[in-house]
């Protein structure tokens, strides 16, 4: 191989690495902006005068917003960590990777909307269904992206041991199926319960999901 050919290969590798780095930086920016936007929603209305008597009450009314932020932060943080692990496998990219990554970021970007909807539409179940739908869409698109990297496109990833990633991919699949079943059961139960004050009990199915997930993914 001629020295000129070696230089061309080196330039191509540097270019690919730079472009892949741009995709990672763009993804990290989306995650950071989404978390920031949710944090901005944690505020006391400016119209409310804060005194020693009204401050505890105002902080108490912020609890649903804080809870939505904590849950969303934990979930988005877990998605970001998995995204970091996935992209550590890559040495190149293609159109399919870009499309799947953008699809995941699209649903991540909707989290501030769905979290705000829950806190402002208090006592209503539809916002919870929308929020759960956002979580499910993120789980599905994350699995699609992970499967694409690990199984479908060996040419764009590094030649490394994938046993840990294949195990993790299987866990993502179980989570996707389990969360989907939980969502279906919640909707069915919500429709079947006749008394409006008891309809919120349909959310109890979400407590079953982590237990079943742990049972199915535990090491034998």
N, C-alpha and C. Protein backbone atom coordinates (compact mmCIF):
# COMPACT_ATOMS: atom_id res chain seq x y z
N UNK A 1 0.84 -1.19 0.00
CA UNK A 1 0.00 0.00 0.00
C UNK A 1 0.88 1.25 0.00
N UNK A 2 0.57 2.20 -0.84
CA UNK A 2 1.35 3.42 -0.97
C UNK A 2 1.10 4.36 0.21
N UNK A 3 2.11 5.22 0.54
CA UNK A 3 1.93 6.19 1.63
C UNK A 3 0.74 7.11 1.41
N UNK A 4 0.50 7.43 0.12
CA UNK A 4 -0.63 8.30 -0.20
C UNK A 4 -1.95 7.64 0.19
N UNK A 5 -2.03 6.31 -0.04
CA UNK A 5 -3.25 5.58 0.33
C UNK A 5 -3.44 5.58 1.84
N UNK A 6 -2.35 5.43 2.58
CA UNK A 6 -2.43 5.45 4.05
C UNK A 6 -2.93 6.80 4.55
N UNK A 7 -2.49 7.87 3.92
CA UNK A 7 -2.94 9.20 4.31
C UNK A 7 -4.44 9.38 4.06
N UNK A 8 -4.91 8.83 2.93
CA UNK A 8 -6.33 8.92 2.60
C UNK A 8 -7.17 8.17 3.63
N UNK A 9 -6.70 6.98 4.01
CA UNK A 9 -7.42 6.18 5.00
C UNK A 9 -7.47 6.91 6.33
N UNK A 10 -6.33 7.51 6.72
CA UNK A 10 -6.27 8.25 7.98
C UNK A 10 -7.23 9.43 7.96
N UNK A 11 -7.28 10.15 6.84
CA UNK A 11 -8.19 11.30 6.73
C UNK A 11 -9.65 10.85 6.85
N UNK A 12 -9.98 9.74 6.19
CA UNK A 12 -11.35 9.22 6.25
C UNK A 12 -11.72 8.81 7.67
N UNK A 13 -10.80 8.18 8.38
CA UNK A 13 -11.07 7.76 9.75
C UNK A 13 -11.27 8.95 10.67
N UNK A 14 -10.44 9.97 10.50
CA UNK A 14 -10.57 11.19 11.30
C UNK A 14 -11.90 11.89 11.01
N UNK A 15 -12.27 11.91 9.73
CA UNK A 15 -13.53 12.54 9.34
C UNK A 15 -14.72 11.81 9.95
N UNK A 16 -14.70 10.48 9.87
CA UNK A 16 -15.78 9.69 10.44
C UNK A 16 -15.88 9.89 11.95
N UNK A 17 -14.71 9.90 12.61
CA UNK A 17 -14.68 10.09 14.06
C UNK A 17 -15.24 11.46 14.43
N UNK A 18 -14.90 12.49 13.66
CA UNK A 18 -15.39 13.84 13.93
C UNK A 18 -16.90 13.92 13.74
N UNK A 19 -17.40 13.31 12.66
CA UNK A 19 -18.84 13.35 12.40
C UNK A 19 -19.63 12.56 13.44
N UNK A 20 -19.06 11.43 13.88
CA UNK A 20 -19.70 10.65 14.93
C UNK A 20 -19.72 11.42 16.25
N UNK A 21 -18.65 12.15 16.51
CA UNK A 21 -18.57 12.97 17.71
C UNK A 21 -19.63 14.08 17.68
N UNK A 22 -19.86 14.63 16.51
CA UNK A 22 -20.90 15.66 16.37
C UNK A 22 -22.28 15.09 16.71
N UNK A 23 -22.54 13.86 16.27
CA UNK A 23 -23.83 13.24 16.57
C UNK A 23 -23.99 13.02 18.08
N UNK A 24 -22.90 12.60 18.74
CA UNK A 24 -22.95 12.37 20.18
C UNK A 24 -23.16 13.69 20.93
N UNK A 25 -22.45 14.74 20.52
CA UNK A 25 -22.59 16.05 21.16
C UNK A 25 -24.00 16.61 20.98
N UNK A 26 -24.56 16.41 19.78
CA UNK A 26 -25.93 16.87 19.53
C UNK A 26 -26.91 16.12 20.42
N UNK A 27 -26.73 14.82 20.56
CA UNK A 27 -27.62 14.01 21.41
C UNK A 27 -27.50 14.44 22.87
N UNK A 28 -26.27 14.65 23.34
CA UNK A 28 -26.06 15.09 24.73
C UNK A 28 -26.73 16.45 24.98
N UNK A 29 -26.67 17.32 23.98
CA UNK A 29 -27.30 18.64 24.12
C UNK A 29 -28.80 18.52 24.27
N UNK A 30 -29.42 17.61 23.53
CA UNK A 30 -30.86 17.41 23.63
C UNK A 30 -31.23 16.92 25.02
N UNK A 31 -30.50 15.93 25.53
CA UNK A 31 -30.75 15.42 26.88
C UNK A 31 -30.63 16.54 27.92
N UNK A 32 -29.58 17.34 27.80
CA UNK A 32 -29.33 18.41 28.77
C UNK A 32 -30.44 19.48 28.71
N UNK A 33 -30.85 19.85 27.50
CA UNK A 33 -31.88 20.87 27.34
C UNK A 33 -33.21 20.39 27.89
N UNK A 34 -33.54 19.13 27.65
CA UNK A 34 -34.81 18.57 28.15
C UNK A 34 -34.85 18.61 29.68
N UNK A 35 -33.77 18.21 30.32
CA UNK A 35 -33.71 18.23 31.78
C UNK A 35 -33.81 19.66 32.30
N UNK A 36 -33.14 20.58 31.63
CA UNK A 36 -33.20 21.99 32.03
C UNK A 36 -34.61 22.55 31.91
N UNK A 37 -35.29 22.23 30.82
CA UNK A 37 -36.65 22.73 30.62
C UNK A 37 -37.60 22.22 31.69
N UNK A 38 -37.40 20.97 32.11
CA UNK A 38 -38.26 20.43 33.17
C UNK A 38 -37.97 21.11 34.51
N UNK A 39 -36.69 21.43 34.76
CA UNK A 39 -36.33 22.10 36.01
C UNK A 39 -36.92 23.51 36.06
N UNK A 40 -37.02 24.17 34.90
CA UNK A 40 -37.57 25.53 34.84
C UNK A 40 -39.03 25.55 35.30
N UNK A 41 -39.74 24.43 35.10
CA UNK A 41 -41.15 24.37 35.48
C UNK A 41 -41.34 24.34 36.99
N UNK A 42 -40.27 24.09 37.74
CA UNK A 42 -40.38 24.04 39.21
C UNK A 42 -40.27 25.47 39.73
N UNK A 43 -41.39 26.13 39.80
CA UNK A 43 -41.39 27.52 40.26
C UNK A 43 -42.73 27.85 40.90
N UNK A 44 -42.68 28.75 41.85
CA UNK A 44 -43.89 29.24 42.51
C UNK A 44 -44.47 30.38 41.68
N UNK A 45 -45.78 30.40 41.42
CA UNK A 45 -46.38 31.48 40.63
C UNK A 45 -46.00 32.86 41.18
N UNK A 46 -45.67 33.76 40.27
CA UNK A 46 -45.25 35.09 40.68
C UNK A 46 -46.38 35.89 41.33
N UNK A 47 -47.60 35.51 41.03
CA UNK A 47 -48.75 36.24 41.59
C UNK A 47 -48.96 35.94 43.07
N UNK A 48 -48.33 34.86 43.54
CA UNK A 48 -48.53 34.46 44.94
C UNK A 48 -47.52 35.16 45.85
N UNK A 49 -48.03 35.85 46.86
CA UNK A 49 -47.16 36.54 47.82
C UNK A 49 -46.68 35.54 48.87
N UNK A 50 -45.37 35.49 49.05
CA UNK A 50 -44.79 34.53 49.98
C UNK A 50 -44.58 35.17 51.35
N UNK A 51 -45.20 34.59 52.32
CA UNK A 51 -45.02 35.00 53.72
C UNK A 51 -44.68 33.75 54.52
N UNK A 52 -44.44 33.94 55.78
CA UNK A 52 -44.11 32.80 56.64
C UNK A 52 -45.26 31.80 56.71
N UNK A 53 -46.48 32.29 56.51
CA UNK A 53 -47.64 31.40 56.57
C UNK A 53 -47.92 30.74 55.22
N UNK A 54 -47.72 31.47 54.11
CA UNK A 54 -48.09 30.94 52.79
C UNK A 54 -46.99 30.11 52.14
N UNK A 55 -45.73 30.29 52.58
CA UNK A 55 -44.62 29.56 51.95
C UNK A 55 -44.76 28.05 52.05
N UNK A 56 -45.05 27.48 53.24
CA UNK A 56 -45.21 26.01 53.32
C UNK A 56 -46.30 25.49 52.37
N UNK A 57 -47.40 26.23 52.28
CA UNK A 57 -48.50 25.82 51.39
C UNK A 57 -48.07 25.86 49.92
N UNK A 58 -47.32 26.91 49.56
CA UNK A 58 -46.85 27.04 48.18
C UNK A 58 -45.88 25.92 47.83
N UNK A 59 -44.99 25.57 48.78
CA UNK A 59 -44.04 24.48 48.55
C UNK A 59 -44.76 23.14 48.45
N UNK A 60 -45.82 23.00 49.25
CA UNK A 60 -46.59 21.75 49.20
C UNK A 60 -47.24 21.57 47.84
N UNK A 61 -47.73 22.66 47.24
CA UNK A 61 -48.36 22.58 45.92
C UNK A 61 -47.33 22.26 44.83
N UNK A 62 -46.05 22.45 45.14
CA UNK A 62 -45.00 22.13 44.16
C UNK A 62 -44.61 20.65 44.18
N UNK A 63 -45.11 19.90 45.16
CA UNK A 63 -44.71 18.50 45.29
C UNK A 63 -45.00 17.67 44.04
N UNK A 64 -46.20 17.79 43.42
CA UNK A 64 -46.42 17.02 42.18
C UNK A 64 -45.42 17.37 41.07
N UNK A 65 -45.07 18.65 40.96
CA UNK A 65 -44.09 19.07 39.96
C UNK A 65 -42.72 18.49 40.27
N UNK A 66 -42.34 18.52 41.55
CA UNK A 66 -41.05 17.95 41.95
C UNK A 66 -41.00 16.44 41.71
N UNK A 67 -42.11 15.77 42.01
CA UNK A 67 -42.18 14.32 41.81
C UNK A 67 -42.05 13.98 40.32
N UNK A 68 -42.76 14.73 39.47
CA UNK A 68 -42.66 14.52 38.02
C UNK A 68 -41.24 14.77 37.54
N UNK A 69 -40.58 15.77 38.10
CA UNK A 69 -39.20 16.07 37.71
C UNK A 69 -38.25 14.95 38.13
N UNK A 70 -38.41 14.47 39.37
CA UNK A 70 -37.52 13.41 39.87
C UNK A 70 -37.66 12.14 39.04
N UNK A 71 -38.91 11.74 38.77
CA UNK A 71 -39.15 10.53 37.97
C UNK A 71 -38.60 10.70 36.55
N UNK A 72 -38.87 11.85 35.96
CA UNK A 72 -38.41 12.11 34.59
C UNK A 72 -36.89 12.20 34.53
N UNK A 73 -36.29 12.85 35.52
CA UNK A 73 -34.83 12.97 35.56
C UNK A 73 -34.18 11.59 35.65
N UNK A 74 -34.72 10.73 36.53
CA UNK A 74 -34.18 9.39 36.67
C UNK A 74 -34.30 8.58 35.39
N UNK A 75 -35.46 8.68 34.73
CA UNK A 75 -35.67 7.92 33.49
C UNK A 75 -34.78 8.44 32.37
N UNK A 76 -34.73 9.77 32.20
CA UNK A 76 -33.90 10.35 31.13
C UNK A 76 -32.42 10.07 31.40
N UNK A 77 -32.02 10.12 32.68
CA UNK A 77 -30.64 9.79 33.02
C UNK A 77 -30.29 8.36 32.65
N UNK A 78 -31.22 7.43 32.88
CA UNK A 78 -30.99 6.03 32.52
C UNK A 78 -30.89 5.87 31.01
N UNK A 79 -31.76 6.56 30.26
CA UNK A 79 -31.71 6.51 28.80
C UNK A 79 -30.39 7.09 28.30
N UNK A 80 -29.94 8.20 28.90
CA UNK A 80 -28.68 8.83 28.48
C UNK A 80 -27.50 7.90 28.74
N UNK A 81 -27.49 7.24 29.90
CA UNK A 81 -26.40 6.32 30.23
C UNK A 81 -26.35 5.16 29.24
N UNK A 82 -27.51 4.62 28.90
CA UNK A 82 -27.56 3.55 27.91
C UNK A 82 -27.11 4.05 26.54
N UNK A 83 -27.50 5.28 26.21
CA UNK A 83 -27.09 5.90 24.95
C UNK A 83 -25.56 6.02 24.90
N UNK A 84 -24.96 6.40 26.02
CA UNK A 84 -23.51 6.51 26.13
C UNK A 84 -22.83 5.17 25.87
N UNK A 85 -23.37 4.11 26.45
CA UNK A 85 -22.82 2.78 26.27
C UNK A 85 -22.97 2.30 24.83
N UNK A 86 -24.12 2.60 24.23
CA UNK A 86 -24.35 2.18 22.84
C UNK A 86 -23.34 2.83 21.90
N UNK A 87 -23.17 4.13 22.05
CA UNK A 87 -22.32 4.86 21.13
C UNK A 87 -20.83 4.61 21.37
N UNK A 88 -20.48 4.01 22.51
CA UNK A 88 -19.09 3.63 22.73
C UNK A 88 -18.69 2.45 21.85
N UNK A 89 -19.68 1.77 21.28
CA UNK A 89 -19.41 0.64 20.39
C UNK A 89 -19.10 1.07 18.95
N UNK A 90 -19.39 2.32 18.62
CA UNK A 90 -19.37 2.75 17.22
C UNK A 90 -18.01 3.24 16.76
N UNK A 91 -17.71 2.96 15.51
CA UNK A 91 -16.54 3.53 14.85
C UNK A 91 -16.96 4.31 13.59
N UNK A 92 -18.22 4.14 13.19
CA UNK A 92 -18.74 4.79 11.99
C UNK A 92 -20.24 5.01 12.17
N UNK A 93 -20.88 5.60 11.21
CA UNK A 93 -22.32 5.83 11.26
C UNK A 93 -22.89 5.69 9.85
N UNK A 94 -24.20 5.54 9.77
CA UNK A 94 -24.87 5.52 8.48
C UNK A 94 -26.24 6.18 8.65
N UNK A 95 -26.97 6.26 7.58
CA UNK A 95 -28.26 6.93 7.59
C UNK A 95 -29.24 6.27 8.56
N UNK A 96 -29.21 4.94 8.60
CA UNK A 96 -30.12 4.21 9.49
C UNK A 96 -29.86 4.55 10.95
N UNK A 97 -28.60 4.70 11.33
CA UNK A 97 -28.26 5.07 12.70
C UNK A 97 -28.76 6.47 13.03
N UNK A 98 -28.55 7.40 12.10
CA UNK A 98 -28.97 8.79 12.32
C UNK A 98 -30.48 8.87 12.50
N UNK A 99 -31.23 8.17 11.64
CA UNK A 99 -32.69 8.21 11.72
C UNK A 99 -33.18 7.64 13.04
N UNK A 100 -32.63 6.52 13.46
CA UNK A 100 -33.07 5.88 14.71
C UNK A 100 -32.68 6.72 15.93
N UNK A 101 -31.52 7.34 15.86
CA UNK A 101 -31.11 8.21 16.97
C UNK A 101 -32.01 9.44 17.05
N UNK A 102 -32.34 10.02 15.92
CA UNK A 102 -33.21 11.19 15.90
C UNK A 102 -34.61 10.85 16.40
N UNK A 103 -35.07 9.63 16.10
CA UNK A 103 -36.39 9.21 16.56
C UNK A 103 -36.42 9.11 18.08
N UNK A 104 -35.34 8.58 18.67
CA UNK A 104 -35.25 8.52 20.13
C UNK A 104 -35.24 9.93 20.73
N UNK A 105 -34.45 10.82 20.14
CA UNK A 105 -34.36 12.18 20.65
C UNK A 105 -35.69 12.93 20.50
N UNK A 106 -36.45 12.59 19.47
CA UNK A 106 -37.77 13.21 19.27
C UNK A 106 -38.68 12.97 20.47
N UNK A 107 -38.73 11.73 20.93
CA UNK A 107 -39.60 11.41 22.07
C UNK A 107 -39.02 11.91 23.39
N UNK A 108 -37.69 11.92 23.51
CA UNK A 108 -37.07 12.52 24.69
C UNK A 108 -37.45 13.99 24.79
N UNK A 109 -37.48 14.67 23.64
CA UNK A 109 -37.81 16.09 23.61
C UNK A 109 -39.23 16.41 24.03
N UNK A 110 -40.12 15.41 24.02
CA UNK A 110 -41.51 15.63 24.41
C UNK A 110 -41.74 15.48 25.92
N UNK A 111 -40.70 15.11 26.66
CA UNK A 111 -40.86 14.90 28.10
C UNK A 111 -41.28 16.16 28.85
N UNK A 112 -40.69 17.34 28.58
CA UNK A 112 -41.16 18.53 29.30
C UNK A 112 -42.65 18.78 29.12
N UNK A 113 -43.17 18.55 27.91
CA UNK A 113 -44.60 18.74 27.66
C UNK A 113 -45.43 17.78 28.48
N UNK A 114 -45.07 16.49 28.44
CA UNK A 114 -45.88 15.49 29.14
C UNK A 114 -45.79 15.65 30.65
N UNK A 115 -44.60 16.01 31.17
CA UNK A 115 -44.44 16.21 32.61
C UNK A 115 -45.22 17.43 33.08
N UNK A 116 -45.20 18.51 32.29
CA UNK A 116 -45.95 19.71 32.63
C UNK A 116 -47.45 19.45 32.60
N UNK A 117 -47.89 18.63 31.65
CA UNK A 117 -49.31 18.29 31.53
C UNK A 117 -49.81 17.60 32.79
N UNK A 118 -49.00 16.73 33.35
CA UNK A 118 -49.39 16.02 34.57
C UNK A 118 -49.57 16.98 35.73
N UNK A 119 -48.62 17.91 35.88
CA UNK A 119 -48.66 18.81 37.04
C UNK A 119 -49.75 19.86 36.93
N UNK A 120 -50.14 20.24 35.72
CA UNK A 120 -51.14 21.30 35.56
C UNK A 120 -52.56 20.75 35.47
N UNK A 121 -52.69 19.53 34.95
CA UNK A 121 -54.02 18.91 34.86
C UNK A 121 -54.18 17.93 36.02
N UNK A 122 -54.23 18.47 37.23
CA UNK A 122 -54.25 17.63 38.43
C UNK A 122 -55.54 16.83 38.53
N UNK A 123 -55.37 15.57 38.94
CA UNK A 123 -56.52 14.71 39.17
C UNK A 123 -57.09 14.07 37.92
N UNK A 124 -56.49 14.32 36.75
CA UNK A 124 -56.98 13.73 35.50
C UNK A 124 -56.07 12.58 35.07
N UNK A 125 -56.66 11.57 34.46
CA UNK A 125 -55.90 10.39 34.07
C UNK A 125 -55.30 10.49 32.68
N UNK A 126 -55.91 11.29 31.80
CA UNK A 126 -55.40 11.39 30.43
C UNK A 126 -53.95 11.86 30.40
N UNK A 127 -53.55 12.87 31.20
CA UNK A 127 -52.13 13.26 31.21
C UNK A 127 -51.20 12.12 31.61
N UNK A 128 -51.65 11.27 32.55
CA UNK A 128 -50.84 10.13 32.94
C UNK A 128 -50.69 9.14 31.78
N UNK A 129 -51.75 8.93 31.02
CA UNK A 129 -51.66 8.05 29.86
C UNK A 129 -50.68 8.62 28.83
N UNK A 130 -50.73 9.93 28.63
CA UNK A 130 -49.80 10.57 27.69
C UNK A 130 -48.36 10.41 28.18
N UNK A 131 -48.15 10.61 29.49
CA UNK A 131 -46.81 10.48 30.07
C UNK A 131 -46.28 9.06 29.93
N UNK A 132 -47.13 8.09 30.23
CA UNK A 132 -46.73 6.68 30.09
C UNK A 132 -46.45 6.34 28.63
N UNK A 133 -47.22 6.93 27.73
CA UNK A 133 -47.00 6.72 26.30
C UNK A 133 -45.63 7.25 25.87
N UNK A 134 -45.23 8.40 26.42
CA UNK A 134 -43.91 8.96 26.12
C UNK A 134 -42.80 8.03 26.61
N UNK A 135 -42.98 7.50 27.82
CA UNK A 135 -41.99 6.56 28.36
C UNK A 135 -41.89 5.32 27.47
N UNK A 136 -43.05 4.78 27.08
CA UNK A 136 -43.07 3.59 26.23
C UNK A 136 -42.40 3.86 24.89
N UNK A 137 -42.67 5.02 24.29
CA UNK A 137 -42.06 5.36 23.00
C UNK A 137 -40.54 5.47 23.13
N UNK A 138 -40.07 6.00 24.26
CA UNK A 138 -38.62 6.09 24.49
C UNK A 138 -38.01 4.70 24.65
N UNK A 139 -38.70 3.82 25.38
CA UNK A 139 -38.20 2.46 25.56
C UNK A 139 -38.13 1.72 24.23
N UNK A 140 -39.17 1.88 23.40
CA UNK A 140 -39.21 1.20 22.10
C UNK A 140 -38.12 1.73 21.17
N UNK A 141 -38.00 3.06 21.06
CA UNK A 141 -36.99 3.63 20.15
C UNK A 141 -35.58 3.36 20.63
N UNK A 142 -35.39 3.29 21.95
CA UNK A 142 -34.07 2.94 22.48
C UNK A 142 -33.71 1.49 22.09
N UNK A 143 -34.69 0.61 22.21
CA UNK A 143 -34.45 -0.78 21.83
C UNK A 143 -34.14 -0.90 20.33
N UNK A 144 -34.89 -0.17 19.51
CA UNK A 144 -34.66 -0.21 18.06
C UNK A 144 -33.25 0.26 17.72
N UNK A 145 -32.80 1.34 18.37
CA UNK A 145 -31.45 1.86 18.14
C UNK A 145 -30.40 0.87 18.61
N UNK A 146 -30.59 0.31 19.78
CA UNK A 146 -29.64 -0.65 20.35
C UNK A 146 -29.55 -1.90 19.47
N UNK A 147 -30.70 -2.40 19.03
CA UNK A 147 -30.73 -3.59 18.17
C UNK A 147 -30.02 -3.32 16.85
N UNK A 148 -30.19 -2.12 16.34
CA UNK A 148 -29.54 -1.74 15.07
C UNK A 148 -28.02 -1.79 15.21
N UNK A 149 -27.52 -1.28 16.32
CA UNK A 149 -26.06 -1.24 16.53
C UNK A 149 -25.50 -2.63 16.80
N UNK A 150 -26.14 -3.37 17.67
CA UNK A 150 -25.60 -4.65 18.12
C UNK A 150 -25.82 -5.78 17.11
N UNK A 151 -27.01 -5.82 16.50
CA UNK A 151 -27.38 -6.95 15.66
C UNK A 151 -27.34 -6.67 14.15
N UNK A 152 -27.83 -5.53 13.72
CA UNK A 152 -28.05 -5.31 12.29
C UNK A 152 -26.87 -4.72 11.55
N UNK A 153 -26.03 -3.91 12.20
CA UNK A 153 -24.97 -3.21 11.48
C UNK A 153 -23.60 -3.43 12.13
N UNK A 154 -23.05 -4.64 11.98
CA UNK A 154 -21.70 -4.88 12.54
C UNK A 154 -20.62 -4.04 11.87
N UNK A 155 -20.88 -3.55 10.66
CA UNK A 155 -19.87 -2.77 9.94
C UNK A 155 -19.60 -1.40 10.56
N UNK A 156 -20.53 -0.88 11.37
CA UNK A 156 -20.33 0.46 11.93
C UNK A 156 -19.87 0.42 13.39
N UNK A 157 -19.69 -0.77 13.94
CA UNK A 157 -19.25 -0.85 15.33
C UNK A 157 -17.86 -1.48 15.42
N UNK A 158 -17.26 -1.30 16.58
CA UNK A 158 -15.93 -1.83 16.84
C UNK A 158 -15.98 -3.35 16.99
N UNK A 159 -14.88 -3.97 16.69
CA UNK A 159 -14.78 -5.41 16.83
C UNK A 159 -14.45 -5.73 18.29
N UNK A 160 -15.47 -5.88 19.08
CA UNK A 160 -15.29 -6.09 20.52
C UNK A 160 -16.28 -7.13 21.03
N UNK A 161 -16.09 -7.55 22.27
CA UNK A 161 -16.97 -8.54 22.87
C UNK A 161 -18.35 -7.92 23.11
N UNK A 162 -19.38 -8.58 22.60
CA UNK A 162 -20.75 -8.04 22.68
C UNK A 162 -21.63 -8.82 23.64
N UNK A 163 -21.06 -9.74 24.40
CA UNK A 163 -21.87 -10.59 25.28
C UNK A 163 -22.66 -9.75 26.29
N UNK A 164 -22.02 -8.75 26.88
CA UNK A 164 -22.70 -7.89 27.84
C UNK A 164 -23.80 -7.07 27.17
N UNK A 165 -23.53 -6.59 25.96
CA UNK A 165 -24.50 -5.77 25.26
C UNK A 165 -25.69 -6.60 24.77
N UNK A 166 -25.44 -7.84 24.39
CA UNK A 166 -26.55 -8.70 23.96
C UNK A 166 -27.45 -9.05 25.15
N UNK A 167 -26.84 -9.23 26.32
CA UNK A 167 -27.62 -9.46 27.52
C UNK A 167 -28.48 -8.24 27.86
N UNK A 168 -27.85 -7.06 27.74
CA UNK A 168 -28.57 -5.82 28.00
C UNK A 168 -29.68 -5.59 26.97
N UNK A 169 -29.42 -5.96 25.73
CA UNK A 169 -30.43 -5.83 24.68
C UNK A 169 -31.64 -6.70 24.99
N UNK A 170 -31.39 -7.89 25.51
CA UNK A 170 -32.49 -8.77 25.89
C UNK A 170 -33.31 -8.18 27.03
N UNK A 171 -32.62 -7.53 27.97
CA UNK A 171 -33.33 -6.86 29.08
C UNK A 171 -34.19 -5.71 28.55
N UNK A 172 -33.67 -4.97 27.58
CA UNK A 172 -34.44 -3.87 26.97
C UNK A 172 -35.69 -4.41 26.29
N UNK A 173 -35.56 -5.59 25.68
CA UNK A 173 -36.71 -6.21 25.01
C UNK A 173 -37.77 -6.61 26.03
N UNK A 174 -37.33 -7.19 27.15
CA UNK A 174 -38.26 -7.57 28.21
C UNK A 174 -38.96 -6.34 28.77
N UNK A 175 -38.19 -5.26 28.97
CA UNK A 175 -38.76 -4.01 29.49
C UNK A 175 -39.80 -3.45 28.52
N UNK A 176 -39.49 -3.49 27.24
CA UNK A 176 -40.40 -2.97 26.23
C UNK A 176 -41.72 -3.75 26.22
N UNK A 177 -41.62 -5.07 26.23
CA UNK A 177 -42.82 -5.90 26.20
C UNK A 177 -43.60 -5.76 27.52
N UNK A 178 -42.88 -5.79 28.63
CA UNK A 178 -43.53 -5.69 29.94
C UNK A 178 -44.24 -4.37 30.15
N UNK A 179 -43.60 -3.28 29.74
CA UNK A 179 -44.22 -1.96 29.91
C UNK A 179 -45.43 -1.83 28.99
N UNK A 180 -45.34 -2.40 27.79
CA UNK A 180 -46.47 -2.36 26.86
C UNK A 180 -47.68 -3.09 27.44
N UNK A 181 -47.43 -4.27 28.03
CA UNK A 181 -48.52 -5.05 28.63
C UNK A 181 -49.13 -4.29 29.81
N UNK A 182 -48.25 -3.67 30.62
CA UNK A 182 -48.75 -2.88 31.75
C UNK A 182 -49.64 -1.74 31.29
N UNK A 183 -49.22 -1.07 30.21
CA UNK A 183 -50.01 0.03 29.67
C UNK A 183 -51.37 -0.42 29.18
N UNK A 184 -51.39 -1.58 28.52
CA UNK A 184 -52.67 -2.13 28.03
C UNK A 184 -53.58 -2.49 29.19
N UNK A 185 -53.02 -3.12 30.23
CA UNK A 185 -53.81 -3.50 31.40
C UNK A 185 -54.36 -2.27 32.13
N UNK A 186 -53.56 -1.21 32.19
CA UNK A 186 -54.02 0.03 32.82
C UNK A 186 -55.22 0.60 32.08
N UNK A 187 -55.13 0.64 30.76
CA UNK A 187 -56.24 1.20 29.97
C UNK A 187 -57.49 0.35 30.07
N UNK A 188 -57.32 -0.98 30.03
CA UNK A 188 -58.48 -1.88 30.15
C UNK A 188 -59.14 -1.71 31.52
N UNK A 189 -58.32 -1.70 32.57
CA UNK A 189 -58.85 -1.53 33.93
C UNK A 189 -59.54 -0.19 34.10
N UNK A 190 -58.94 0.85 33.53
CA UNK A 190 -59.52 2.20 33.61
C UNK A 190 -60.91 2.23 32.98
N UNK A 191 -61.07 1.55 31.86
CA UNK A 191 -62.38 1.51 31.18
C UNK A 191 -63.38 0.68 31.96
N UNK A 192 -62.92 -0.42 32.56
CA UNK A 192 -63.83 -1.33 33.25
C UNK A 192 -64.32 -0.77 34.58
N UNK A 193 -63.49 0.03 35.25
CA UNK A 193 -63.92 0.60 36.54
C UNK A 193 -64.97 1.69 36.28
N UNK A 194 -66.11 1.53 36.89
CA UNK A 194 -67.23 2.43 36.64
C UNK A 194 -67.19 3.69 37.50
N UNK A 195 -66.76 3.56 38.74
CA UNK A 195 -66.78 4.70 39.66
C UNK A 195 -65.59 5.62 39.38
N UNK A 196 -65.83 6.89 39.08
CA UNK A 196 -64.75 7.82 38.73
C UNK A 196 -63.68 7.95 39.81
N UNK A 197 -64.08 7.91 41.08
CA UNK A 197 -63.12 8.10 42.17
C UNK A 197 -62.17 6.90 42.32
N UNK A 198 -62.52 5.77 41.69
CA UNK A 198 -61.68 4.58 41.79
C UNK A 198 -60.86 4.32 40.53
N UNK A 199 -61.06 5.10 39.51
CA UNK A 199 -60.37 4.86 38.25
C UNK A 199 -58.85 4.98 38.37
N UNK A 200 -58.40 5.82 39.30
CA UNK A 200 -56.94 5.97 39.48
C UNK A 200 -56.27 4.69 39.96
N UNK A 201 -57.08 3.75 40.50
CA UNK A 201 -56.51 2.47 40.94
C UNK A 201 -55.95 1.65 39.79
N UNK A 202 -56.35 1.99 38.57
CA UNK A 202 -55.82 1.26 37.41
C UNK A 202 -54.31 1.42 37.29
N UNK A 203 -53.76 2.50 37.88
CA UNK A 203 -52.32 2.73 37.83
C UNK A 203 -51.54 1.74 38.68
N UNK A 204 -52.23 0.95 39.48
CA UNK A 204 -51.56 -0.05 40.32
C UNK A 204 -50.80 -1.07 39.50
N UNK A 205 -51.20 -1.23 38.24
CA UNK A 205 -50.49 -2.18 37.37
C UNK A 205 -49.02 -1.78 37.19
N UNK A 206 -48.71 -0.49 37.34
CA UNK A 206 -47.33 -0.05 37.18
C UNK A 206 -46.43 -0.57 38.30
N UNK A 207 -47.02 -0.94 39.42
CA UNK A 207 -46.25 -1.49 40.52
C UNK A 207 -45.86 -2.94 40.25
N UNK A 208 -46.64 -3.62 39.40
CA UNK A 208 -46.36 -5.01 39.06
C UNK A 208 -45.19 -5.10 38.08
N UNK A 209 -45.07 -4.10 37.19
CA UNK A 209 -44.06 -4.15 36.14
C UNK A 209 -42.63 -4.32 36.66
N UNK A 210 -42.14 -3.49 37.62
CA UNK A 210 -40.75 -3.67 38.07
C UNK A 210 -40.51 -5.01 38.74
N UNK A 211 -41.53 -5.55 39.43
CA UNK A 211 -41.37 -6.85 40.08
C UNK A 211 -41.20 -7.96 39.05
N UNK A 212 -42.05 -7.95 38.03
CA UNK A 212 -41.96 -8.96 36.96
C UNK A 212 -40.65 -8.80 36.19
N UNK A 213 -40.24 -7.54 35.94
CA UNK A 213 -38.99 -7.29 35.21
C UNK A 213 -37.80 -7.86 35.97
N UNK A 214 -37.74 -7.62 37.28
CA UNK A 214 -36.65 -8.14 38.09
C UNK A 214 -36.63 -9.66 38.09
N UNK A 215 -37.83 -10.25 38.13
CA UNK A 215 -37.94 -11.71 38.13
C UNK A 215 -37.44 -12.31 36.83
N UNK A 216 -37.78 -11.68 35.70
CA UNK A 216 -37.41 -12.22 34.39
C UNK A 216 -35.95 -11.95 34.03
N UNK A 217 -35.35 -10.92 34.60
CA UNK A 217 -33.98 -10.55 34.23
C UNK A 217 -32.94 -10.96 35.26
N UNK A 218 -33.37 -11.60 36.33
CA UNK A 218 -32.40 -11.99 37.36
C UNK A 218 -31.49 -13.07 36.82
N UNK A 219 -30.23 -13.05 37.32
CA UNK A 219 -29.25 -14.05 36.88
C UNK A 219 -29.51 -15.36 37.57
N UNK A 220 -29.43 -16.40 36.75
CA UNK A 220 -29.68 -17.75 37.30
C UNK A 220 -28.39 -18.34 37.84
